């Protein structure tokens, strides 16, 4: 359960970081 929570947290963090970039066309 702890590992699932950790993975979810990392996923949200990475998704947020990706959305917080202006790279692109």
PDBML (XML) file of the C-alpha atoms, coordinates in Angstrom:
<?xml version="1.0" encoding="UTF-8" ?>
<PDBx:datablock datablockName="MODEL"
   xmlns:PDBx="http://pdbml.pdb.org/schema/pdbx-v50.xsd"
   xmlns:xsi="http://www.w3.org/2001/XMLSchema-instance"
   xsi:schemaLocation="http://pdbml.pdb.org/schema/pdbx-v50.xsd pdbx-v50.xsd">
   <PDBx:atom_siteCategory>
      <PDBx:atom_site id="1">
         <PDBx:B_iso_or_equiv>0.00</PDBx:B_iso_or_equiv>
         <PDBx:Cartn_x>0.000</PDBx:Cartn_x>
         <PDBx:Cartn_y>0.000</PDBx:Cartn_y>
         <PDBx:Cartn_z>0.000</PDBx:Cartn_z>
         <PDBx:auth_asym_id>A</PDBx:auth_asym_id>
         <PDBx:auth_atom_id>CA</PDBx:auth_atom_id>
         <PDBx:auth_comp_id>UNK</PDBx:auth_comp_id>
         <PDBx:auth_seq_id>1</PDBx:auth_seq_id>
         <PDBx:group_PDB>ATOM</PDBx:group_PDB>
         <PDBx:label_alt_id xsi:nil="true" />
         <PDBx:label_asym_id>A</PDBx:label_asym_id>
         <PDBx:label_atom_id>CA</PDBx:label_atom_id>
         <PDBx:label_comp_id>UNK</PDBx:label_comp_id>
         <PDBx:label_entity_id>1</PDBx:label_entity_id>
         <PDBx:label_seq_id>1</PDBx:label_seq_id>
         <PDBx:occupancy>1.00</PDBx:occupancy>
         <PDBx:pdbx_PDB_model_num>1</PDBx:pdbx_PDB_model_num>
         <PDBx:type_symbol>C</PDBx:type_symbol>
      </PDBx:atom_site>
      <PDBx:atom_site id="2">
         <PDBx:B_iso_or_equiv>0.00</PDBx:B_iso_or_equiv>
         <PDBx:Cartn_x>2.834</PDBx:Cartn_x>
         <PDBx:Cartn_y>2.319</PDBx:Cartn_y>
         <PDBx:Cartn_z>0.864</PDBx:Cartn_z>
         <PDBx:auth_asym_id>A</PDBx:auth_asym_id>
         <PDBx:auth_atom_id>CA</PDBx:auth_atom_id>
         <PDBx:auth_comp_id>UNK</PDBx:auth_comp_id>
         <PDBx:auth_seq_id>2</PDBx:auth_seq_id>
         <PDBx:group_PDB>ATOM</PDBx:group_PDB>
         <PDBx:label_alt_id xsi:nil="true" />
         <PDBx:label_asym_id>A</PDBx:label_asym_id>
         <PDBx:label_atom_id>CA</PDBx:label_atom_id>
         <PDBx:label_comp_id>UNK</PDBx:label_comp_id>
         <PDBx:label_entity_id>1</PDBx:label_entity_id>
         <PDBx:label_seq_id>2</PDBx:label_seq_id>
         <PDBx:occupancy>1.00</PDBx:occupancy>
         <PDBx:pdbx_PDB_model_num>1</PDBx:pdbx_PDB_model_num>
         <PDBx:type_symbol>C</PDBx:type_symbol>
      </PDBx:atom_site>
      <PDBx:atom_site id="3">
         <PDBx:B_iso_or_equiv>0.00</PDBx:B_iso_or_equiv>
         <PDBx:Cartn_x>4.541</PDBx:Cartn_x>
         <PDBx:Cartn_y>1.606</PDBx:Cartn_y>
         <PDBx:Cartn_z>-2.453</PDBx:Cartn_z>
         <PDBx:auth_asym_id>A</PDBx:auth_asym_id>
         <PDBx:auth_atom_id>CA</PDBx:auth_atom_id>
         <PDBx:auth_comp_id>UNK</PDBx:auth_comp_id>
         <PDBx:auth_seq_id>3</PDBx:auth_seq_id>
         <PDBx:group_PDB>ATOM</PDBx:group_PDB>
         <PDBx:label_alt_id xsi:nil="true" />
         <PDBx:label_asym_id>A</PDBx:label_asym_id>
         <PDBx:label_atom_id>CA</PDBx:label_atom_id>
         <PDBx:label_comp_id>UNK</PDBx:label_comp_id>
         <PDBx:label_entity_id>1</PDBx:label_entity_id>
         <PDBx:label_seq_id>3</PDBx:label_seq_id>
         <PDBx:occupancy>1.00</PDBx:occupancy>
         <PDBx:pdbx_PDB_model_num>1</PDBx:pdbx_PDB_model_num>
         <PDBx:type_symbol>C</PDBx:type_symbol>
      </PDBx:atom_site>
      <PDBx:atom_site id="4">
         <PDBx:B_iso_or_equiv>0.00</PDBx:B_iso_or_equiv>
         <PDBx:Cartn_x>1.348</PDBx:Cartn_x>
         <PDBx:Cartn_y>2.338</PDBx:Cartn_y>
         <PDBx:Cartn_z>-4.378</PDBx:Cartn_z>
         <PDBx:auth_asym_id>A</PDBx:auth_asym_id>
         <PDBx:auth_atom_id>CA</PDBx:auth_atom_id>
         <PDBx:auth_comp_id>UNK</PDBx:auth_comp_id>
         <PDBx:auth_seq_id>4</PDBx:auth_seq_id>
         <PDBx:group_PDB>ATOM</PDBx:group_PDB>
         <PDBx:label_alt_id xsi:nil="true" />
         <PDBx:label_asym_id>A</PDBx:label_asym_id>
         <PDBx:label_atom_id>CA</PDBx:label_atom_id>
         <PDBx:label_comp_id>UNK</PDBx:label_comp_id>
         <PDBx:label_entity_id>1</PDBx:label_entity_id>
         <PDBx:label_seq_id>4</PDBx:label_seq_id>
         <PDBx:occupancy>1.00</PDBx:occupancy>
         <PDBx:pdbx_PDB_model_num>1</PDBx:pdbx_PDB_model_num>
         <PDBx:type_symbol>C</PDBx:type_symbol>
      </PDBx:atom_site>
      <PDBx:atom_site id="5">
         <PDBx:B_iso_or_equiv>0.00</PDBx:B_iso_or_equiv>
         <PDBx:Cartn_x>0.993</PDBx:Cartn_x>
         <PDBx:Cartn_y>5.667</PDBx:Cartn_y>
         <PDBx:Cartn_z>-2.580</PDBx:Cartn_z>
         <PDBx:auth_asym_id>A</PDBx:auth_asym_id>
         <PDBx:auth_atom_id>CA</PDBx:auth_atom_id>
         <PDBx:auth_comp_id>UNK</PDBx:auth_comp_id>
         <PDBx:auth_seq_id>5</PDBx:auth_seq_id>
         <PDBx:group_PDB>ATOM</PDBx:group_PDB>
         <PDBx:label_alt_id xsi:nil="true" />
         <PDBx:label_asym_id>A</PDBx:label_asym_id>
         <PDBx:label_atom_id>CA</PDBx:label_atom_id>
         <PDBx:label_comp_id>UNK</PDBx:label_comp_id>
         <PDBx:label_entity_id>1</PDBx:label_entity_id>
         <PDBx:label_seq_id>5</PDBx:label_seq_id>
         <PDBx:occupancy>1.00</PDBx:occupancy>
         <PDBx:pdbx_PDB_model_num>1</PDBx:pdbx_PDB_model_num>
         <PDBx:type_symbol>C</PDBx:type_symbol>
      </PDBx:atom_site>
      <PDBx:atom_site id="6">
         <PDBx:B_iso_or_equiv>0.00</PDBx:B_iso_or_equiv>
         <PDBx:Cartn_x>4.616</PDBx:Cartn_x>
         <PDBx:Cartn_y>6.516</PDBx:Cartn_y>
         <PDBx:Cartn_z>-3.330</PDBx:Cartn_z>
         <PDBx:auth_asym_id>A</PDBx:auth_asym_id>
         <PDBx:auth_atom_id>CA</PDBx:auth_atom_id>
         <PDBx:auth_comp_id>UNK</PDBx:auth_comp_id>
         <PDBx:auth_seq_id>6</PDBx:auth_seq_id>
         <PDBx:group_PDB>ATOM</PDBx:group_PDB>
         <PDBx:label_alt_id xsi:nil="true" />
         <PDBx:label_asym_id>A</PDBx:label_asym_id>
         <PDBx:label_atom_id>CA</PDBx:label_atom_id>
         <PDBx:label_comp_id>UNK</PDBx:label_comp_id>
         <PDBx:label_entity_id>1</PDBx:label_entity_id>
         <PDBx:label_seq_id>6</PDBx:label_seq_id>
         <PDBx:occupancy>1.00</PDBx:occupancy>
         <PDBx:pdbx_PDB_model_num>1</PDBx:pdbx_PDB_model_num>
         <PDBx:type_symbol>C</PDBx:type_symbol>
      </PDBx:atom_site>
      <PDBx:atom_site id="7">
         <PDBx:B_iso_or_equiv>0.00</PDBx:B_iso_or_equiv>
         <PDBx:Cartn_x>4.178</PDBx:Cartn_x>
         <PDBx:Cartn_y>5.680</PDBx:Cartn_y>
         <PDBx:Cartn_z>-7.006</PDBx:Cartn_z>
         <PDBx:auth_asym_id>A</PDBx:auth_asym_id>
         <PDBx:auth_atom_id>CA</PDBx:auth_atom_id>
         <PDBx:auth_comp_id>UNK</PDBx:auth_comp_id>
         <PDBx:auth_seq_id>7</PDBx:auth_seq_id>
         <PDBx:group_PDB>ATOM</PDBx:group_PDB>
         <PDBx:label_alt_id xsi:nil="true" />
         <PDBx:label_asym_id>A</PDBx:label_asym_id>
         <PDBx:label_atom_id>CA</PDBx:label_atom_id>
         <PDBx:label_comp_id>UNK</PDBx:label_comp_id>
         <PDBx:label_entity_id>1</PDBx:label_entity_id>
         <PDBx:label_seq_id>7</PDBx:label_seq_id>
         <PDBx:occupancy>1.00</PDBx:occupancy>
         <PDBx:pdbx_PDB_model_num>1</PDBx:pdbx_PDB_model_num>
         <PDBx:type_symbol>C</PDBx:type_symbol>
      </PDBx:atom_site>
      <PDBx:atom_site id="8">
         <PDBx:B_iso_or_equiv>0.00</PDBx:B_iso_or_equiv>
         <PDBx:Cartn_x>1.009</PDBx:Cartn_x>
         <PDBx:Cartn_y>7.788</PDBx:Cartn_y>
         <PDBx:Cartn_z>-7.171</PDBx:Cartn_z>
         <PDBx:auth_asym_id>A</PDBx:auth_asym_id>
         <PDBx:auth_atom_id>CA</PDBx:auth_atom_id>
         <PDBx:auth_comp_id>UNK</PDBx:auth_comp_id>
         <PDBx:auth_seq_id>8</PDBx:auth_seq_id>
         <PDBx:group_PDB>ATOM</PDBx:group_PDB>
         <PDBx:label_alt_id xsi:nil="true" />
         <PDBx:label_asym_id>A</PDBx:label_asym_id>
         <PDBx:label_atom_id>CA</PDBx:label_atom_id>
         <PDBx:label_comp_id>UNK</PDBx:label_comp_id>
         <PDBx:label_entity_id>1</PDBx:label_entity_id>
         <PDBx:label_seq_id>8</PDBx:label_seq_id>
         <PDBx:occupancy>1.00</PDBx:occupancy>
         <PDBx:pdbx_PDB_model_num>1</PDBx:pdbx_PDB_model_num>
         <PDBx:type_symbol>C</PDBx:type_symbol>
      </PDBx:atom_site>
      <PDBx:atom_site id="9">
         <PDBx:B_iso_or_equiv>0.00</PDBx:B_iso_or_equiv>
         <PDBx:Cartn_x>2.817</PDBx:Cartn_x>
         <PDBx:Cartn_y>10.710</PDBx:Cartn_y>
         <PDBx:Cartn_z>-5.565</PDBx:Cartn_z>
         <PDBx:auth_asym_id>A</PDBx:auth_asym_id>
         <PDBx:auth_atom_id>CA</PDBx:auth_atom_id>
         <PDBx:auth_comp_id>UNK</PDBx:auth_comp_id>
         <PDBx:auth_seq_id>9</PDBx:auth_seq_id>
         <PDBx:group_PDB>ATOM</PDBx:group_PDB>
         <PDBx:label_alt_id xsi:nil="true" />
         <PDBx:label_asym_id>A</PDBx:label_asym_id>
         <PDBx:label_atom_id>CA</PDBx:label_atom_id>
         <PDBx:label_comp_id>UNK</PDBx:label_comp_id>
         <PDBx:label_entity_id>1</PDBx:label_entity_id>
         <PDBx:label_seq_id>9</PDBx:label_seq_id>
         <PDBx:occupancy>1.00</PDBx:occupancy>
         <PDBx:pdbx_PDB_model_num>1</PDBx:pdbx_PDB_model_num>
         <PDBx:type_symbol>C</PDBx:type_symbol>
      </PDBx:atom_site>
      <PDBx:atom_site id="10">
         <PDBx:B_iso_or_equiv>0.00</PDBx:B_iso_or_equiv>
         <PDBx:Cartn_x>5.709</PDBx:Cartn_x>
         <PDBx:Cartn_y>10.432</PDBx:Cartn_y>
         <PDBx:Cartn_z>-8.018</PDBx:Cartn_z>
         <PDBx:auth_asym_id>A</PDBx:auth_asym_id>
         <PDBx:auth_atom_id>CA</PDBx:auth_atom_id>
         <PDBx:auth_comp_id>UNK</PDBx:auth_comp_id>
         <PDBx:auth_seq_id>10</PDBx:auth_seq_id>
         <PDBx:group_PDB>ATOM</PDBx:group_PDB>
         <PDBx:label_alt_id xsi:nil="true" />
         <PDBx:label_asym_id>A</PDBx:label_asym_id>
         <PDBx:label_atom_id>CA</PDBx:label_atom_id>
         <PDBx:label_comp_id>UNK</PDBx:label_comp_id>
         <PDBx:label_entity_id>1</PDBx:label_entity_id>
         <PDBx:label_seq_id>10</PDBx:label_seq_id>
         <PDBx:occupancy>1.00</PDBx:occupancy>
         <PDBx:pdbx_PDB_model_num>1</PDBx:pdbx_PDB_model_num>
         <PDBx:type_symbol>C</PDBx:type_symbol>
      </PDBx:atom_site>
      <PDBx:atom_site id="11">
         <PDBx:B_iso_or_equiv>0.00</PDBx:B_iso_or_equiv>
         <PDBx:Cartn_x>3.319</PDBx:Cartn_x>
         <PDBx:Cartn_y>10.221</PDBx:Cartn_y>
         <PDBx:Cartn_z>-10.945</PDBx:Cartn_z>
         <PDBx:auth_asym_id>A</PDBx:auth_asym_id>
         <PDBx:auth_atom_id>CA</PDBx:auth_atom_id>
         <PDBx:auth_comp_id>UNK</PDBx:auth_comp_id>
         <PDBx:auth_seq_id>11</PDBx:auth_seq_id>
         <PDBx:group_PDB>ATOM</PDBx:group_PDB>
         <PDBx:label_alt_id xsi:nil="true" />
         <PDBx:label_asym_id>A</PDBx:label_asym_id>
         <PDBx:label_atom_id>CA</PDBx:label_atom_id>
         <PDBx:label_comp_id>UNK</PDBx:label_comp_id>
         <PDBx:label_entity_id>1</PDBx:label_entity_id>
         <PDBx:label_seq_id>11</PDBx:label_seq_id>
         <PDBx:occupancy>1.00</PDBx:occupancy>
         <PDBx:pdbx_PDB_model_num>1</PDBx:pdbx_PDB_model_num>
         <PDBx:type_symbol>C</PDBx:type_symbol>
      </PDBx:atom_site>
      <PDBx:atom_site id="12">
         <PDBx:B_iso_or_equiv>0.00</PDBx:B_iso_or_equiv>
         <PDBx:Cartn_x>1.472</PDBx:Cartn_x>
         <PDBx:Cartn_y>13.358</PDBx:Cartn_y>
         <PDBx:Cartn_z>-9.856</PDBx:Cartn_z>
         <PDBx:auth_asym_id>A</PDBx:auth_asym_id>
         <PDBx:auth_atom_id>CA</PDBx:auth_atom_id>
         <PDBx:auth_comp_id>UNK</PDBx:auth_comp_id>
         <PDBx:auth_seq_id>12</PDBx:auth_seq_id>
         <PDBx:group_PDB>ATOM</PDBx:group_PDB>
         <PDBx:label_alt_id xsi:nil="true" />
         <PDBx:label_asym_id>A</PDBx:label_asym_id>
         <PDBx:label_atom_id>CA</PDBx:label_atom_id>
         <PDBx:label_comp_id>UNK</PDBx:label_comp_id>
         <PDBx:label_entity_id>1</PDBx:label_entity_id>
         <PDBx:label_seq_id>12</PDBx:label_seq_id>
         <PDBx:occupancy>1.00</PDBx:occupancy>
         <PDBx:pdbx_PDB_model_num>1</PDBx:pdbx_PDB_model_num>
         <PDBx:type_symbol>C</PDBx:type_symbol>
      </PDBx:atom_site>
      <PDBx:atom_site id="13">
         <PDBx:B_iso_or_equiv>0.00</PDBx:B_iso_or_equiv>
         <PDBx:Cartn_x>4.765</PDBx:Cartn_x>
         <PDBx:Cartn_y>15.167</PDBx:Cartn_y>
         <PDBx:Cartn_z>-9.295</PDBx:Cartn_z>
         <PDBx:auth_asym_id>A</PDBx:auth_asym_id>
         <PDBx:auth_atom_id>CA</PDBx:auth_atom_id>
         <PDBx:auth_comp_id>UNK</PDBx:auth_comp_id>
         <PDBx:auth_seq_id>13</PDBx:auth_seq_id>
         <PDBx:group_PDB>ATOM</PDBx:group_PDB>
         <PDBx:label_alt_id xsi:nil="true" />
         <PDBx:label_asym_id>A</PDBx:label_asym_id>
         <PDBx:label_atom_id>CA</PDBx:label_atom_id>
         <PDBx:label_comp_id>UNK</PDBx:label_comp_id>
         <PDBx:label_entity_id>1</PDBx:label_entity_id>
         <PDBx:label_seq_id>13</PDBx:label_seq_id>
         <PDBx:occupancy>1.00</PDBx:occupancy>
         <PDBx:pdbx_PDB_model_num>1</PDBx:pdbx_PDB_model_num>
         <PDBx:type_symbol>C</PDBx:type_symbol>
      </PDBx:atom_site>
      <PDBx:atom_site id="14">
         <PDBx:B_iso_or_equiv>0.00</PDBx:B_iso_or_equiv>
         <PDBx:Cartn_x>6.111</PDBx:Cartn_x>
         <PDBx:Cartn_y>14.221</PDBx:Cartn_y>
         <PDBx:Cartn_z>-12.726</PDBx:Cartn_z>
         <PDBx:auth_asym_id>A</PDBx:auth_asym_id>
         <PDBx:auth_atom_id>CA</PDBx:auth_atom_id>
         <PDBx:auth_comp_id>UNK</PDBx:auth_comp_id>
         <PDBx:auth_seq_id>14</PDBx:auth_seq_id>
         <PDBx:group_PDB>ATOM</PDBx:group_PDB>
         <PDBx:label_alt_id xsi:nil="true" />
         <PDBx:label_asym_id>A</PDBx:label_asym_id>
         <PDBx:label_atom_id>CA</PDBx:label_atom_id>
         <PDBx:label_comp_id>UNK</PDBx:label_comp_id>
         <PDBx:label_entity_id>1</PDBx:label_entity_id>
         <PDBx:label_seq_id>14</PDBx:label_seq_id>
         <PDBx:occupancy>1.00</PDBx:occupancy>
         <PDBx:pdbx_PDB_model_num>1</PDBx:pdbx_PDB_model_num>
         <PDBx:type_symbol>C</PDBx:type_symbol>
      </PDBx:atom_site>
      <PDBx:atom_site id="15">
         <PDBx:B_iso_or_equiv>0.00</PDBx:B_iso_or_equiv>
         <PDBx:Cartn_x>2.841</PDBx:Cartn_x>
         <PDBx:Cartn_y>15.065</PDBx:Cartn_y>
         <PDBx:Cartn_z>-14.457</PDBx:Cartn_z>
         <PDBx:auth_asym_id>A</PDBx:auth_asym_id>
         <PDBx:auth_atom_id>CA</PDBx:auth_atom_id>
         <PDBx:auth_comp_id>UNK</PDBx:auth_comp_id>
         <PDBx:auth_seq_id>15</PDBx:auth_seq_id>
         <PDBx:group_PDB>ATOM</PDBx:group_PDB>
         <PDBx:label_alt_id xsi:nil="true" />
         <PDBx:label_asym_id>A</PDBx:label_asym_id>
         <PDBx:label_atom_id>CA</PDBx:label_atom_id>
         <PDBx:label_comp_id>UNK</PDBx:label_comp_id>
         <PDBx:label_entity_id>1</PDBx:label_entity_id>
         <PDBx:label_seq_id>15</PDBx:label_seq_id>
         <PDBx:occupancy>1.00</PDBx:occupancy>
         <PDBx:pdbx_PDB_model_num>1</PDBx:pdbx_PDB_model_num>
         <PDBx:type_symbol>C</PDBx:type_symbol>
      </PDBx:atom_site>
      <PDBx:atom_site id="16">
         <PDBx:B_iso_or_equiv>0.00</PDBx:B_iso_or_equiv>
         <PDBx:Cartn_x>2.759</PDBx:Cartn_x>
         <PDBx:Cartn_y>18.425</PDBx:Cartn_y>
         <PDBx:Cartn_z>-12.708</PDBx:Cartn_z>
         <PDBx:auth_asym_id>A</PDBx:auth_asym_id>
         <PDBx:auth_atom_id>CA</PDBx:auth_atom_id>
         <PDBx:auth_comp_id>UNK</PDBx:auth_comp_id>
         <PDBx:auth_seq_id>16</PDBx:auth_seq_id>
         <PDBx:group_PDB>ATOM</PDBx:group_PDB>
         <PDBx:label_alt_id xsi:nil="true" />
         <PDBx:label_asym_id>A</PDBx:label_asym_id>
         <PDBx:label_atom_id>CA</PDBx:label_atom_id>
         <PDBx:label_comp_id>UNK</PDBx:label_comp_id>
         <PDBx:label_entity_id>1</PDBx:label_entity_id>
         <PDBx:label_seq_id>16</PDBx:label_seq_id>
         <PDBx:occupancy>1.00</PDBx:occupancy>
         <PDBx:pdbx_PDB_model_num>1</PDBx:pdbx_PDB_model_num>
         <PDBx:type_symbol>C</PDBx:type_symbol>
      </PDBx:atom_site>
      <PDBx:atom_site id="17">
         <PDBx:B_iso_or_equiv>0.00</PDBx:B_iso_or_equiv>
         <PDBx:Cartn_x>6.352</PDBx:Cartn_x>
         <PDBx:Cartn_y>19.118</PDBx:Cartn_y>
         <PDBx:Cartn_z>-13.709</PDBx:Cartn_z>
         <PDBx:auth_asym_id>A</PDBx:auth_asym_id>
         <PDBx:auth_atom_id>CA</PDBx:auth_atom_id>
         <PDBx:auth_comp_id>UNK</PDBx:auth_comp_id>
         <PDBx:auth_seq_id>17</PDBx:auth_seq_id>
         <PDBx:group_PDB>ATOM</PDBx:group_PDB>
         <PDBx:label_alt_id xsi:nil="true" />
         <PDBx:label_asym_id>A</PDBx:label_asym_id>
         <PDBx:label_atom_id>CA</PDBx:label_atom_id>
         <PDBx:label_comp_id>UNK</PDBx:label_comp_id>
         <PDBx:label_entity_id>1</PDBx:label_entity_id>
         <PDBx:label_seq_id>17</PDBx:label_seq_id>
         <PDBx:occupancy>1.00</PDBx:occupancy>
         <PDBx:pdbx_PDB_model_num>1</PDBx:pdbx_PDB_model_num>
         <PDBx:type_symbol>C</PDBx:type_symbol>
      </PDBx:atom_site>
      <PDBx:atom_site id="18">
         <PDBx:B_iso_or_equiv>0.00</PDBx:B_iso_or_equiv>
         <PDBx:Cartn_x>5.600</PDBx:Cartn_x>
         <PDBx:Cartn_y>18.240</PDBx:Cartn_y>
         <PDBx:Cartn_z>-17.330</PDBx:Cartn_z>
         <PDBx:auth_asym_id>A</PDBx:auth_asym_id>
         <PDBx:auth_atom_id>CA</PDBx:auth_atom_id>
         <PDBx:auth_comp_id>UNK</PDBx:auth_comp_id>
         <PDBx:auth_seq_id>18</PDBx:auth_seq_id>
         <PDBx:group_PDB>ATOM</PDBx:group_PDB>
         <PDBx:label_alt_id xsi:nil="true" />
         <PDBx:label_asym_id>A</PDBx:label_asym_id>
         <PDBx:label_atom_id>CA</PDBx:label_atom_id>
         <PDBx:label_comp_id>UNK</PDBx:label_comp_id>
         <PDBx:label_entity_id>1</PDBx:label_entity_id>
         <PDBx:label_seq_id>18</PDBx:label_seq_id>
         <PDBx:occupancy>1.00</PDBx:occupancy>
         <PDBx:pdbx_PDB_model_num>1</PDBx:pdbx_PDB_model_num>
         <PDBx:type_symbol>C</PDBx:type_symbol>
      </PDBx:atom_site>
      <PDBx:atom_site id="19">
         <PDBx:B_iso_or_equiv>0.00</PDBx:B_iso_or_equiv>
         <PDBx:Cartn_x>2.582</PDBx:Cartn_x>
         <PDBx:Cartn_y>20.561</PDBx:Cartn_y>
         <PDBx:Cartn_z>-17.345</PDBx:Cartn_z>
         <PDBx:auth_asym_id>A</PDBx:auth_asym_id>
         <PDBx:auth_atom_id>CA</PDBx:auth_atom_id>
         <PDBx:auth_comp_id>UNK</PDBx:auth_comp_id>
         <PDBx:auth_seq_id>19</PDBx:auth_seq_id>
         <PDBx:group_PDB>ATOM</PDBx:group_PDB>
         <PDBx:label_alt_id xsi:nil="true" />
         <PDBx:label_asym_id>A</PDBx:label_asym_id>
         <PDBx:label_atom_id>CA</PDBx:label_atom_id>
         <PDBx:label_comp_id>UNK</PDBx:label_comp_id>
         <PDBx:label_entity_id>1</PDBx:label_entity_id>
         <PDBx:label_seq_id>19</PDBx:label_seq_id>
         <PDBx:occupancy>1.00</PDBx:occupancy>
         <PDBx:pdbx_PDB_model_num>1</PDBx:pdbx_PDB_model_num>
         <PDBx:type_symbol>C</PDBx:type_symbol>
      </PDBx:atom_site>
      <PDBx:atom_site id="20">
         <PDBx:B_iso_or_equiv>0.00</PDBx:B_iso_or_equiv>
         <PDBx:Cartn_x>4.668</PDBx:Cartn_x>
         <PDBx:Cartn_y>23.335</PDBx:Cartn_y>
         <PDBx:Cartn_z>-15.837</PDBx:Cartn_z>
         <PDBx:auth_asym_id>A</PDBx:auth_asym_id>
         <PDBx:auth_atom_id>CA</PDBx:auth_atom_id>
         <PDBx:auth_comp_id>UNK</PDBx:auth_comp_id>
         <PDBx:auth_seq_id>20</PDBx:auth_seq_id>
         <PDBx:group_PDB>ATOM</PDBx:group_PDB>
         <PDBx:label_alt_id xsi:nil="true" />
         <PDBx:label_asym_id>A</PDBx:label_asym_id>
         <PDBx:label_atom_id>CA</PDBx:label_atom_id>
         <PDBx:label_comp_id>UNK</PDBx:label_comp_id>
         <PDBx:label_entity_id>1</PDBx:label_entity_id>
         <PDBx:label_seq_id>20</PDBx:label_seq_id>
         <PDBx:occupancy>1.00</PDBx:occupancy>
         <PDBx:pdbx_PDB_model_num>1</PDBx:pdbx_PDB_model_num>
         <PDBx:type_symbol>C</PDBx:type_symbol>
      </PDBx:atom_site>
      <PDBx:atom_site id="21">
         <PDBx:B_iso_or_equiv>0.00</PDBx:B_iso_or_equiv>
         <PDBx:Cartn_x>6.959</PDBx:Cartn_x>
         <PDBx:Cartn_y>23.661</PDBx:Cartn_y>
         <PDBx:Cartn_z>-18.854</PDBx:Cartn_z>
         <PDBx:auth_asym_id>A</PDBx:auth_asym_id>
         <PDBx:auth_atom_id>CA</PDBx:auth_atom_id>
         <PDBx:auth_comp_id>UNK</PDBx:auth_comp_id>
         <PDBx:auth_seq_id>21</PDBx:auth_seq_id>
         <PDBx:group_PDB>ATOM</PDBx:group_PDB>
         <PDBx:label_alt_id xsi:nil="true" />
         <PDBx:label_asym_id>A</PDBx:label_asym_id>
         <PDBx:label_atom_id>CA</PDBx:label_atom_id>
         <PDBx:label_comp_id>UNK</PDBx:label_comp_id>
         <PDBx:label_entity_id>1</PDBx:label_entity_id>
         <PDBx:label_seq_id>21</PDBx:label_seq_id>
         <PDBx:occupancy>1.00</PDBx:occupancy>
         <PDBx:pdbx_PDB_model_num>1</PDBx:pdbx_PDB_model_num>
         <PDBx:type_symbol>C</PDBx:type_symbol>
      </PDBx:atom_site>
      <PDBx:atom_site id="22">
         <PDBx:B_iso_or_equiv>0.00</PDBx:B_iso_or_equiv>
         <PDBx:Cartn_x>6.602</PDBx:Cartn_x>
         <PDBx:Cartn_y>25.891</PDBx:Cartn_y>
         <PDBx:Cartn_z>-21.901</PDBx:Cartn_z>
         <PDBx:auth_asym_id>A</PDBx:auth_asym_id>
         <PDBx:auth_atom_id>CA</PDBx:auth_atom_id>
         <PDBx:auth_comp_id>UNK</PDBx:auth_comp_id>
         <PDBx:auth_seq_id>22</PDBx:auth_seq_id>
         <PDBx:group_PDB>ATOM</PDBx:group_PDB>
         <PDBx:label_alt_id xsi:nil="true" />
         <PDBx:label_asym_id>A</PDBx:label_asym_id>
         <PDBx:label_atom_id>CA</PDBx:label_atom_id>
         <PDBx:label_comp_id>UNK</PDBx:label_comp_id>
         <PDBx:label_entity_id>1</PDBx:label_entity_id>
         <PDBx:label_seq_id>22</PDBx:label_seq_id>
         <PDBx:occupancy>1.00</PDBx:occupancy>
         <PDBx:pdbx_PDB_model_num>1</PDBx:pdbx_PDB_model_num>
         <PDBx:type_symbol>C</PDBx:type_symbol>
      </PDBx:atom_site>
      <PDBx:atom_site id="23">
         <PDBx:B_iso_or_equiv>0.00</PDBx:B_iso_or_equiv>
         <PDBx:Cartn_x>8.502</PDBx:Cartn_x>
         <PDBx:Cartn_y>23.625</PDBx:Cartn_y>
         <PDBx:Cartn_z>-24.294</PDBx:Cartn_z>
         <PDBx:auth_asym_id>A</PDBx:auth_asym_id>
         <PDBx:auth_atom_id>CA</PDBx:auth_atom_id>
         <PDBx:auth_comp_id>UNK</PDBx:auth_comp_id>
         <PDBx:auth_seq_id>23</PDBx:auth_seq_id>
         <PDBx:group_PDB>ATOM</PDBx:group_PDB>
         <PDBx:label_alt_id xsi:nil="true" />
         <PDBx:label_asym_id>A</PDBx:label_asym_id>
         <PDBx:label_atom_id>CA</PDBx:label_atom_id>
         <PDBx:label_comp_id>UNK</PDBx:label_comp_id>
         <PDBx:label_entity_id>1</PDBx:label_entity_id>
         <PDBx:label_seq_id>23</PDBx:label_seq_id>
         <PDBx:occupancy>1.00</PDBx:occupancy>
         <PDBx:pdbx_PDB_model_num>1</PDBx:pdbx_PDB_model_num>
         <PDBx:type_symbol>C</PDBx:type_symbol>
      </PDBx:atom_site>
      <PDBx:atom_site id="24">
         <PDBx:B_iso_or_equiv>0.00</PDBx:B_iso_or_equiv>
         <PDBx:Cartn_x>6.709</PDBx:Cartn_x>
         <PDBx:Cartn_y>23.085</PDBx:Cartn_y>
         <PDBx:Cartn_z>-27.571</PDBx:Cartn_z>
         <PDBx:auth_asym_id>A</PDBx:auth_asym_id>
         <PDBx:auth_atom_id>CA</PDBx:auth_atom_id>
         <PDBx:auth_comp_id>UNK</PDBx:auth_comp_id>
         <PDBx:auth_seq_id>24</PDBx:auth_seq_id>
         <PDBx:group_PDB>ATOM</PDBx:group_PDB>
         <PDBx:label_alt_id xsi:nil="true" />
         <PDBx:label_asym_id>A</PDBx:label_asym_id>
         <PDBx:label_atom_id>CA</PDBx:label_atom_id>
         <PDBx:label_comp_id>UNK</PDBx:label_comp_id>
         <PDBx:label_entity_id>1</PDBx:label_entity_id>
         <PDBx:label_seq_id>24</PDBx:label_seq_id>
         <PDBx:occupancy>1.00</PDBx:occupancy>
         <PDBx:pdbx_PDB_model_num>1</PDBx:pdbx_PDB_model_num>
         <PDBx:type_symbol>C</PDBx:type_symbol>
      </PDBx:atom_site>
      <PDBx:atom_site id="25">
         <PDBx:B_iso_or_equiv>0.00</PDBx:B_iso_or_equiv>
         <PDBx:Cartn_x>5.108</PDBx:Cartn_x>
         <PDBx:Cartn_y>24.555</PDBx:Cartn_y>
         <PDBx:Cartn_z>-30.662</PDBx:Cartn_z>
         <PDBx:auth_asym_id>A</PDBx:auth_asym_id>
         <PDBx:auth_atom_id>CA</PDBx:auth_atom_id>
         <PDBx:auth_comp_id>UNK</PDBx:auth_comp_id>
         <PDBx:auth_seq_id>25</PDBx:auth_seq_id>
         <PDBx:group_PDB>ATOM</PDBx:group_PDB>
         <PDBx:label_alt_id xsi:nil="true" />
         <PDBx:label_asym_id>A</PDBx:label_asym_id>
         <PDBx:label_atom_id>CA</PDBx:label_atom_id>
         <PDBx:label_comp_id>UNK</PDBx:label_comp_id>
         <PDBx:label_entity_id>1</PDBx:label_entity_id>
         <PDBx:label_seq_id>25</PDBx:label_seq_id>
         <PDBx:occupancy>1.00</PDBx:occupancy>
         <PDBx:pdbx_PDB_model_num>1</PDBx:pdbx_PDB_model_num>
         <PDBx:type_symbol>C</PDBx:type_symbol>
      </PDBx:atom_site>
   </PDBx:atom_siteCategory>
</PDBx:datablock>
